[in-house]
Amino acid sequence: MNTSAGHILVVDDTPKNIQVLGSMLRESGYAINAAVNGVQALETLKRVTPDLILLDVIMPEMDGFETCRRIKADPRLSEIPIIFLTAQIRPKAIVLGFEVGAVDYITKPFNSSELLKRVDTHLTINRLRLELANKVSDLSSALGDIERLHREQDSFLRHELNNVIGPIAGYTEMLRSQLSSSLNERQKKWMQSIMQGTESMKTMLGKIKKLQDFERGSHKLNLISVPIVGVLTDVVRDIDTQFSTVHMQYDEASFASFRVQADMTFLPGVFNNLIKNAAEHVADLESEAQRSVYIACAKTVDAVTVRIQNGGEPIAPERLALFFDKFNTTKVNTGGTGLGTSYARLVARAHGGSVSVSSDSSNGTVVDVVLPLED
């Protein structure tokens, strides 16, 4: 038998289904193991490690959902793709299947061509994932440069995600335009969520690209002379549309003559990210005074320091240590990406400056942005 196609474990409490599936898969070159329930499947997995599992949902003793949970909890087995075989087409059951770790589902009675195609697709994806992991491992050993490897991984993943998101956005727009009149309100909300999600993902990938350019030093700055007060005033005006508790505590006339060399494509984002981050940190506090964010300026001989200060609970030391790390956010449920502070530090450094942070119960959270003054 040609077993190069892959090794599949079929789990189904109906012997006829196992017989039909087994014959179909063997004819396509797959090696097969079979189990009639979840308990037997787990016992089989102690002896063999298949490339893919076809798992029935409704079974005695242990259903498919619990079986999947236990498989995914085992580090040795967690990466094996699992496709559910189910007669249940209720959305809740389908969603639960994905939540416990399945990669796909096939409804009974199944179409043989569809089943074989989905099996082949997920085996191919998993094979490519393993090949990529091996290549990454080889690159890491050969280059001895973990930071460079991470950037290459980020670039690869960003490129691949862009390739996936493009068709999703396109097809969703086609469905929206062709089916909008036949969708109910709930379905329209689902469609809108998909469209908003893909746009958010594209925006985040764009931010990651900018960060990568700054990390590599491949960015190009178009520097012009700008008044630092003008930059801050414009940023605060924009933020005031969402937060009305941002206060500038400096004499604009005194600082009006202080200018910095800045790329206005990037520098406003430094203050926008940091001021908005400070406002969000205190947005849920009771009084307006507690929700306030204060911005002050101070001048040294050759630099200007912009201080952004807010109250609220101080940031825990372990989180403060990660303040400028990428994807460091506690706001994933409200759209936070954790890229803002990383962006701020990298852009400030590219302008010859720096960003630092401190946080305690006496002074609240203080972020200082230091930029060199124009000669």
Protein backbone atom coordinates (compact mmCIF):
# COMPACT_ATOMS: atom_id res chain seq x y z
CA MET A 1 0.00 0.00 0.00
CA ASN A 2 1.22 3.51 -0.81
CA THR A 3 1.09 5.29 2.56
CA SER A 4 2.94 8.41 1.41
CA ALA A 5 -0.35 10.30 1.22
CA GLY A 6 -0.64 10.28 5.01
CA HIS A 7 -1.85 8.41 8.06
CA ILE A 8 -5.41 9.03 9.27
CA LEU A 9 -7.26 7.98 12.42
CA VAL A 10 -11.01 7.54 11.85
CA VAL A 11 -13.17 7.73 14.99
CA ASP A 12 -16.86 6.83 14.58
CA ASP A 13 -19.25 4.71 16.63
CA THR A 14 -20.97 3.41 13.48
CA PRO A 15 -19.04 0.47 11.97
CA LYS A 16 -20.59 1.09 8.56
CA ASN A 17 -19.18 4.62 8.51
CA ILE A 18 -15.72 3.33 9.41
CA GLN A 19 -15.97 0.74 6.66
CA VAL A 20 -17.00 3.29 4.03
CA LEU A 21 -14.45 5.87 5.14
CA GLY A 22 -11.70 3.29 5.43
CA SER A 23 -12.27 1.96 1.91
CA MET A 24 -12.45 5.44 0.43
CA LEU A 25 -9.28 6.65 2.14
CA ARG A 26 -7.28 3.48 1.45
CA GLU A 27 -8.14 3.74 -2.24
CA SER A 28 -6.65 7.24 -2.16
CA GLY A 29 -3.41 5.96 -0.67
CA TYR A 30 -3.90 6.75 3.01
CA ALA A 31 -2.91 4.48 5.89
CA ILE A 32 -5.82 4.01 8.31
CA ASN A 33 -6.41 3.36 12.01
CA ALA A 34 -9.94 3.16 13.40
CA ALA A 35 -11.63 3.61 16.78
CA VAL A 36 -15.31 3.28 17.71
CA ASN A 37 -15.35 5.88 20.51
CA GLY A 38 -13.31 8.61 22.15
CA VAL A 39 -11.82 6.38 24.84
CA GLN A 40 -10.57 3.89 22.25
CA ALA A 41 -9.23 6.76 20.14
CA LEU A 42 -7.12 8.05 23.04
CA GLU A 43 -5.77 4.55 23.63
CA THR A 44 -4.88 4.25 19.94
CA LEU A 45 -3.07 7.58 20.06
CA LYS A 46 -0.74 6.21 22.71
CA ARG A 47 0.61 3.82 20.05
CA VAL A 48 0.33 5.79 16.81
CA THR A 49 0.62 9.42 15.78
CA PRO A 50 -1.54 10.06 12.72
CA ASP A 51 -1.23 13.03 10.38
CA LEU A 52 -4.95 13.81 10.68
CA ILE A 53 -8.00 12.70 12.67
CA LEU A 54 -11.56 12.33 11.37
CA LEU A 55 -13.66 12.54 14.54
CA ASP A 56 -17.37 11.84 14.97
CA VAL A 57 -19.21 14.25 17.30
CA ILE A 58 -22.00 12.11 18.76
CA MET A 59 -20.51 9.03 20.43
CA PRO A 60 -21.14 7.06 23.64
CA GLU A 61 -18.85 7.31 26.70
CA MET A 62 -17.01 10.36 25.41
CA ASP A 63 -18.29 12.66 22.67
CA GLY A 64 -16.16 14.21 19.97
CA PHE A 65 -15.85 17.60 21.68
CA GLU A 66 -14.36 16.11 24.85
CA THR A 67 -12.15 13.78 22.84
CA CYS A 68 -10.84 16.77 20.88
CA ARG A 69 -10.17 18.72 24.08
CA ARG A 70 -8.09 15.86 25.49
CA ILE A 71 -6.13 15.43 22.28
CA LYS A 72 -5.34 19.15 22.14
CA ALA A 73 -4.27 19.10 25.79
CA ASP A 74 -1.51 16.59 24.98
CA PRO A 75 1.60 18.44 23.69
CA ARG A 76 2.58 15.39 21.63
CA LEU A 77 -0.76 15.39 19.79
CA SER A 78 -1.89 19.02 19.92
CA GLU A 79 -0.75 19.93 16.40
CA ILE A 80 -2.61 17.07 14.67
CA PRO A 81 -5.44 18.59 12.57
CA ILE A 82 -8.90 17.32 13.54
CA ILE A 83 -11.91 17.36 11.22
CA PHE A 84 -15.29 16.75 12.84
CA LEU A 85 -17.81 14.42 11.19
CA THR A 86 -21.24 15.56 12.27
CA ALA A 87 -24.90 15.54 11.40
CA GLN A 88 -25.25 18.68 13.53
CA ILE A 89 -25.30 21.82 11.44
CA ARG A 90 -26.43 24.12 14.22
CA PRO A 91 -24.13 27.20 14.40
CA LYS A 92 -23.50 26.68 18.12
CA ALA A 93 -22.25 23.13 17.55
CA ILE A 94 -20.03 24.25 14.68
CA VAL A 95 -18.60 27.14 16.70
CA LEU A 96 -17.97 24.83 19.67
CA GLY A 97 -16.06 22.48 17.37
CA PHE A 98 -13.71 25.26 16.34
CA GLU A 99 -13.36 26.46 19.93
CA VAL A 100 -12.14 23.07 21.15
CA GLY A 101 -9.54 22.92 18.40
CA ALA A 102 -10.97 21.42 15.20
CA VAL A 103 -9.78 22.83 11.87
CA ASP A 104 -12.88 21.91 9.87
CA TYR A 105 -16.13 19.95 9.91
CA ILE A 106 -17.90 17.73 7.38
CA THR A 107 -21.62 17.08 7.60
CA LYS A 108 -23.16 13.64 7.35
CA PRO A 109 -24.06 12.12 5.01
CA PHE A 110 -20.75 13.22 3.49
CA ASN A 111 -19.82 13.67 -0.12
CA SER A 112 -16.77 11.54 -0.91
CA SER A 113 -15.16 14.11 -3.24
CA GLU A 114 -15.62 16.90 -0.72
CA LEU A 115 -14.28 14.80 2.13
CA LEU A 116 -11.16 13.74 0.21
CA LYS A 117 -10.52 17.31 -0.88
CA ARG A 118 -10.78 18.66 2.67
CA VAL A 119 -8.56 15.88 4.01
CA ASP A 120 -5.97 16.63 1.34
CA THR A 121 -6.16 20.38 2.00
CA HIS A 122 -5.59 20.11 5.74
CA LEU A 123 -2.83 17.53 5.35
CA THR A 124 -1.12 19.88 2.91
CA ILE A 125 -1.48 22.85 5.27
CA ASN A 126 -0.08 20.83 8.16
CA ARG A 127 2.76 19.49 6.01
CA LEU A 128 3.68 23.03 4.96
CA ARG A 129 3.51 24.17 8.58
CA LEU A 130 5.94 21.44 9.60
CA GLU A 131 8.24 22.24 6.69
CA LEU A 132 8.19 25.90 7.65
CA ALA A 133 8.94 25.05 11.27
CA ASN A 134 11.88 22.90 10.15
CA LYS A 135 13.19 25.66 7.88
CA VAL A 136 12.87 28.19 10.67
CA SER A 137 14.78 25.86 12.98
CA ASP A 138 17.51 25.36 10.36
CA LEU A 139 17.76 29.11 9.79
CA SER A 140 18.02 29.75 13.49
CA SER A 141 20.91 27.32 13.86
CA ALA A 142 22.68 28.52 10.72
CA LEU A 143 22.36 32.24 11.31
CA GLY A 144 22.71 32.32 15.07
CA ASP A 145 20.72 35.54 14.96
CA ILE A 146 17.35 35.21 16.72
CA GLU A 147 16.30 38.80 16.14
CA ARG A 148 16.86 38.53 12.42
CA LEU A 149 14.96 35.26 12.35
CA HIS A 150 12.01 36.82 14.15
CA ARG A 151 11.88 39.63 11.62
CA GLU A 152 11.93 37.12 8.76
CA GLN A 153 9.13 35.15 10.39
CA ASP A 154 7.11 38.33 10.91
CA SER A 155 7.63 39.37 7.31
CA PHE A 156 6.65 35.92 6.01
CA LEU A 157 3.55 35.73 8.18
CA ARG A 158 2.52 39.28 7.28
CA HIS A 159 2.87 38.46 3.59
CA GLU A 160 0.90 35.22 3.93
CA LEU A 161 -1.82 36.86 6.02
CA ASN A 162 -2.20 39.60 3.42
CA ASN A 163 -2.65 36.90 0.78
CA VAL A 164 -5.40 35.27 2.88
CA ILE A 165 -7.18 38.47 3.93
CA GLY A 166 -7.45 39.87 0.39
CA PRO A 167 -9.78 37.15 -0.93
CA ILE A 168 -11.80 37.11 2.30
CA ALA A 169 -12.43 40.85 2.02
CA GLY A 170 -13.23 40.56 -1.69
CA TYR A 171 -15.60 37.63 -1.40
CA THR A 172 -17.33 39.17 1.60
CA GLU A 173 -17.97 42.36 -0.34
CA MET A 174 -19.36 40.31 -3.24
CA LEU A 175 -21.66 38.42 -0.89
CA ARG A 176 -22.78 41.63 0.77
CA SER A 177 -23.64 43.30 -2.54
CA GLN A 178 -25.41 40.23 -3.96
CA LEU A 179 -27.23 38.97 -0.87
CA SER A 180 -27.87 42.10 1.19
CA SER A 181 -31.57 42.17 0.35
CA SER A 182 -32.07 38.56 1.48
CA LEU A 183 -30.13 38.75 4.77
CA ASN A 184 -31.85 39.29 8.09
CA GLU A 185 -30.52 41.85 10.56
CA ARG A 186 -28.45 39.32 12.49
CA GLN A 187 -26.82 38.02 9.33
CA LYS A 188 -26.07 41.58 8.22
CA LYS A 189 -24.30 42.16 11.53
CA TRP A 190 -22.25 39.00 10.96
CA MET A 191 -21.30 40.23 7.49
CA GLN A 192 -20.38 43.66 8.87
CA SER A 193 -18.23 42.06 11.58
CA ILE A 194 -16.32 40.06 8.96
CA MET A 195 -15.71 43.19 6.90
CA GLN A 196 -14.62 45.23 9.92
CA GLY A 197 -12.38 42.40 11.08
CA THR A 198 -10.58 42.12 7.76
CA GLU A 199 -10.09 45.91 7.62
CA SER A 200 -8.71 45.90 11.18
CA MET A 201 -6.35 43.08 10.26
CA LYS A 202 -5.11 44.94 7.18
CA THR A 203 -4.54 48.05 9.30
CA MET A 204 -2.60 46.07 11.89
CA LEU A 205 -0.46 44.43 9.20
CA GLY A 206 0.34 47.88 7.87
CA LYS A 207 1.46 48.95 11.35
CA ILE A 208 3.61 45.83 11.69
CA LYS A 209 5.24 46.64 8.34
CA LYS A 210 6.13 50.13 9.57
CA LEU A 211 7.56 48.71 12.79
CA GLN A 212 9.66 46.22 10.84
CA ASP A 213 11.06 49.01 8.68
CA PHE A 214 12.06 50.98 11.77
CA GLU A 215 13.51 47.87 13.45
CA ARG A 216 15.63 47.13 10.38
CA GLY A 217 16.66 50.74 9.95
CA SER A 218 15.26 50.64 6.41
CA HIS A 219 12.86 53.54 7.02
CA LYS A 220 13.34 56.81 5.17
CA LEU A 221 12.50 60.02 7.01
CA ASN A 222 11.44 63.16 5.19
CA LEU A 223 12.53 65.69 7.81
CA ILE A 224 11.16 69.21 7.96
CA SER A 225 11.30 71.91 10.62
CA VAL A 226 8.15 71.95 12.78
CA PRO A 227 7.17 73.62 16.08
CA ILE A 228 6.73 70.98 18.75
CA VAL A 229 3.73 72.91 20.17
CA GLY A 230 1.98 72.70 16.81
CA VAL A 231 2.43 68.92 16.68
CA LEU A 232 1.02 68.49 20.18
CA THR A 233 -1.91 70.87 19.61
CA ASP A 234 -3.01 69.03 16.48
CA VAL A 235 -2.76 65.62 18.17
CA VAL A 236 -4.70 66.70 21.26
CA ARG A 237 -7.41 68.30 19.11
CA ASP A 238 -7.94 64.98 17.33
CA ILE A 239 -7.97 62.99 20.56
CA ASP A 240 -10.46 65.42 22.13
CA THR A 241 -13.12 64.08 19.78
CA GLN A 242 -13.04 60.90 21.89
CA PHE A 243 -11.61 62.11 25.21
CA SER A 244 -12.26 65.60 26.59
CA THR A 245 -9.98 65.30 29.61
CA VAL A 246 -6.56 65.92 28.01
CA HIS A 247 -4.96 69.09 29.38
CA MET A 248 -1.83 70.84 28.07
CA GLN A 249 0.09 72.47 30.92
CA TYR A 250 2.62 74.72 29.27
CA ASP A 251 2.79 78.24 27.94
CA GLU A 252 2.29 77.87 24.21
CA ALA A 253 3.86 81.27 23.55
CA SER A 254 7.04 80.29 25.39
CA PHE A 255 7.41 77.04 23.46
CA ALA A 256 6.23 78.35 20.10
CA SER A 257 9.80 79.03 18.98
CA PHE A 258 11.06 75.54 19.85
CA ARG A 259 11.31 73.49 16.68
CA VAL A 260 12.35 69.94 15.91
CA GLN A 261 13.32 68.15 12.72
CA ALA A 262 10.47 65.71 12.13
CA ASP A 263 8.85 63.48 9.56
CA MET A 264 5.20 64.44 9.92
CA THR A 265 4.11 61.09 8.52
CA PHE A 266 5.44 59.40 11.64
CA LEU A 267 6.13 61.80 14.55
CA PRO A 268 2.48 62.75 15.33
CA GLY A 269 1.79 59.03 15.78
CA VAL A 270 4.25 58.96 18.70
CA PHE A 271 2.17 61.43 20.71
CA ASN A 272 -1.18 60.15 19.43
CA ASN A 273 -0.40 56.60 20.61
CA LEU A 274 1.01 57.64 24.00
CA ILE A 275 -1.64 60.26 24.86
CA LYS A 276 -4.50 58.03 23.75
CA ASN A 277 -2.98 55.13 25.71
CA ALA A 278 -2.87 57.34 28.83
CA ALA A 279 -6.48 58.50 28.33
CA GLU A 280 -7.73 54.93 27.88
CA HIS A 281 -5.96 53.89 31.10
CA VAL A 282 -8.15 56.26 33.16
CA ALA A 283 -11.27 56.41 30.97
CA ASP A 284 -13.37 54.28 33.32
CA LEU A 285 -12.61 56.21 36.51
CA GLU A 286 -15.46 58.06 38.21
CA SER A 287 -14.57 61.76 38.31
CA GLU A 288 -13.32 64.00 35.51
CA ALA A 289 -10.26 64.88 37.58
CA GLN A 290 -9.35 61.19 37.80
CA ARG A 291 -9.84 60.77 34.06
CA SER A 292 -7.51 63.66 33.22
CA VAL A 293 -4.27 63.36 31.28
CA TYR A 294 -1.71 66.16 31.62
CA ILE A 295 0.88 67.13 29.04
CA ALA A 296 3.83 69.34 29.98
CA CYS A 297 6.95 70.52 28.16
CA ALA A 298 10.41 71.22 29.52
CA LYS A 299 13.53 72.42 27.74
CA THR A 300 17.15 71.52 28.29
CA VAL A 301 20.11 72.97 26.42
CA ASP A 302 19.58 70.97 23.24
CA ALA A 303 16.39 68.97 23.73
CA VAL A 304 12.74 69.25 24.61
CA THR A 305 10.95 66.79 26.91
CA VAL A 306 7.23 66.18 26.48
CA ARG A 307 5.78 64.60 29.63
CA ILE A 308 2.48 62.69 29.45
CA GLN A 309 1.05 61.93 32.89
CA ASN A 310 -2.09 60.19 34.10
CA GLY A 311 -3.39 58.84 37.41
CA GLY A 312 -5.31 55.66 38.03
CA GLU A 313 -3.89 52.38 39.19
CA PRO A 314 -0.11 52.23 38.71
CA ILE A 315 1.12 49.72 36.16
CA ALA A 316 2.43 46.56 37.84
CA PRO A 317 6.24 46.22 37.61
CA GLU A 318 6.05 43.03 35.53
CA ARG A 319 3.81 44.77 32.97
CA LEU A 320 5.83 47.97 33.07
CA ALA A 321 8.88 45.97 32.00
CA LEU A 322 6.93 44.99 28.86
CA PHE A 323 5.53 48.48 28.21
CA PHE A 324 7.36 48.93 24.89
CA ASP A 325 7.10 45.33 23.70
CA LYS A 326 5.08 44.53 20.60
CA PHE A 327 1.58 43.08 21.18
CA ASN A 328 1.71 44.04 24.85
CA THR A 329 -1.91 44.94 25.49
CA THR A 330 -4.73 44.20 27.90
CA LYS A 331 -7.31 45.61 25.46
CA VAL A 332 -7.61 42.79 22.90
CA ASN A 333 -11.38 42.68 23.42
CA THR A 334 -11.73 46.37 22.52
CA GLY A 335 -9.49 46.40 19.49
CA GLY A 336 -6.11 47.01 21.13
CA THR A 337 -3.08 45.63 19.27
CA GLY A 338 -0.25 46.46 21.65
CA LEU A 339 1.75 48.11 18.85
CA GLY A 340 1.36 51.77 19.88
CA THR A 341 4.09 52.01 22.49
CA SER A 342 6.52 49.99 20.35
CA TYR A 343 5.83 52.35 17.47
CA ALA A 344 6.37 55.40 19.70
CA ARG A 345 9.76 54.23 20.95
CA LEU A 346 11.05 53.18 17.52
CA VAL A 347 9.95 56.42 15.81
CA ALA A 348 11.35 58.59 18.60
CA ARG A 349 14.69 56.79 18.32
CA ALA A 350 14.66 57.25 14.54
CA HIS A 351 14.34 61.00 15.21
CA GLY A 352 17.35 60.91 17.54
CA GLY A 353 15.22 60.91 20.68
CA SER A 354 13.99 58.51 23.34
CA VAL A 355 10.91 57.44 25.30
CA SER A 356 10.87 56.28 28.93
CA VAL A 357 8.13 55.31 31.38
CA SER A 358 7.64 55.15 35.15
CA SER A 359 4.58 54.32 37.22
CA ASP A 360 3.84 54.50 40.97
CA SER A 361 1.02 55.42 43.31
CA SER A 362 2.43 58.90 44.00
CA ASN A 363 2.94 60.24 40.48
CA GLY A 364 0.74 57.92 38.45
CA THR A 365 2.08 56.81 35.08
CA VAL A 366 4.59 59.16 33.48
CA VAL A 367 5.89 58.85 29.92
CA ASP A 368 8.70 61.18 28.83
CA VAL A 369 9.42 61.77 25.14
CA VAL A 370 12.77 63.50 24.56
CA LEU A 371 13.51 64.99 21.15
CA PRO A 372 16.56 66.99 20.03
CA LEU A 373 15.86 70.64 19.33
CA GLU A 374 16.67 72.07 15.94
CA ASP A 375 20.07 73.80 15.83
